Amino acid sequence: EIAGLMAIKGKEMFESDICISFTGNAGPTPMENKPVGLIYIGIAYLDKIETYEYHLIGNRESIKKQAVLLGIEKILNILKKNENFLSI
């Protein structure tokens, strides 16, 4: 829920067509009862919001890199599914 709200607010603040947000725990230690590697991605575009939950494995830098690559993959999939979005 937070990742989705972050993406919506970012889209509004920056007056952008699409916004992605990341939240969770990349480590190195568990916090607020959240295990290391639990991350959420939110993407706001058009009038839609998509959120994803992942349980990643690795050190802090590895988890951050994995999260960004997953985010890029999700945005590319959204753009492919919404070809008219590209012409806006």
Protein backbone atom coordinates (compact mmCIF):
# COMPACT_ATOMS: atom_id res chain seq x y z
CA GLU A 1 0.00 0.00 0.00
CA ILE A 2 2.79 2.44 0.91
CA ALA A 3 4.70 1.78 -2.33
CA GLY A 4 1.57 2.56 -4.32
CA LEU A 5 0.90 5.77 -2.41
CA MET A 6 4.53 6.84 -2.83
CA ALA A 7 4.29 6.34 -6.60
CA ILE A 8 1.01 8.28 -6.83
CA LYS A 9 2.39 11.17 -4.79
CA GLY A 10 5.63 11.23 -6.78
CA LYS A 11 3.68 11.30 -10.05
CA GLU A 12 1.68 14.27 -8.75
CA MET A 13 4.67 16.13 -7.27
CA PHE A 14 6.78 15.85 -10.41
CA GLU A 15 3.85 16.15 -12.82
CA SER A 16 5.12 13.05 -14.61
CA ASP A 17 3.36 10.47 -16.74
CA ILE A 18 4.80 7.56 -14.80
CA CYS A 19 6.45 7.16 -11.40
CA ILE A 20 8.08 4.24 -9.65
CA SER A 21 8.73 3.84 -5.93
CA PHE A 22 10.68 1.38 -3.85
CA THR A 23 10.34 0.59 -0.17
CA GLY A 24 11.19 -2.28 2.11
CA ASN A 25 14.27 -3.61 3.84
CA ALA A 26 17.49 -4.09 1.88
CA GLY A 27 19.39 -4.84 5.08
CA PRO A 28 21.79 -5.42 6.55
CA THR A 29 19.55 -6.35 9.50
CA PRO A 30 15.83 -6.95 9.97
CA MET A 31 13.89 -3.81 10.96
CA GLU A 32 10.38 -3.27 12.24
CA ASN A 33 9.77 -7.03 12.05
CA LYS A 34 10.53 -6.97 8.30
CA PRO A 35 13.08 -9.50 7.08
CA VAL A 36 16.04 -8.47 4.98
CA GLY A 37 15.10 -8.69 1.31
CA LEU A 38 11.39 -7.88 1.66
CA ILE A 39 10.79 -5.08 -0.84
CA TYR A 40 7.82 -3.45 -2.50
CA ILE A 41 7.64 -1.65 -5.84
CA GLY A 42 4.85 0.75 -6.77
CA ILE A 43 4.24 2.11 -10.26
CA ALA A 44 1.71 4.85 -11.01
CA TYR A 45 0.81 5.56 -14.64
CA LEU A 46 -2.23 6.86 -16.51
CA ASP A 47 -4.98 6.38 -13.91
CA LYS A 48 -3.55 3.07 -12.73
CA ILE A 49 -1.38 1.88 -9.90
CA GLU A 50 0.43 -1.45 -9.72
CA THR A 51 2.28 -2.78 -6.70
CA TYR A 52 4.58 -5.75 -6.34
CA GLU A 53 6.08 -7.60 -3.38
CA TYR A 54 9.36 -9.48 -3.58
CA HIS A 55 11.50 -11.49 -1.18
CA LEU A 56 15.05 -11.01 -2.47
CA ILE A 57 18.25 -12.66 -1.32
CA GLY A 58 21.70 -11.13 -1.02
CA ASN A 59 23.57 -8.31 0.65
CA ARG A 60 22.27 -4.73 0.73
CA GLU A 61 23.84 -3.68 -2.58
CA SER A 62 22.66 -6.84 -4.33
CA ILE A 63 19.10 -6.41 -3.08
CA LYS A 64 19.02 -2.77 -4.21
CA LYS A 65 20.31 -3.73 -7.66
CA GLN A 66 17.79 -6.58 -7.98
CA ALA A 67 14.96 -4.23 -6.99
CA VAL A 68 15.94 -1.65 -9.62
CA LEU A 69 16.22 -4.31 -12.32
CA LEU A 70 12.78 -5.67 -11.39
CA GLY A 71 11.39 -2.13 -11.51
CA ILE A 72 12.83 -1.56 -14.98
CA GLU A 73 11.36 -4.86 -16.15
CA LYS A 74 7.92 -3.91 -14.80
CA ILE A 75 8.00 -0.47 -16.46
CA LEU A 76 9.02 -2.00 -19.80
CA ASN A 77 6.15 -4.50 -19.53
CA ILE A 78 3.70 -1.71 -18.77
CA LEU A 79 4.91 0.30 -21.76
CA LYS A 80 4.63 -2.74 -24.05
CA LYS A 81 1.07 -3.45 -22.87
CA ASN A 82 0.05 0.19 -23.22
CA GLU A 83 1.50 1.23 -26.57
CA ASN A 84 -0.82 4.25 -26.72
CA PHE A 85 0.87 5.47 -23.51
CA LEU A 86 4.08 5.90 -25.50
CA SER A 87 2.47 8.34 -27.92
CA ILE A 88 1.17 10.70 -25.23
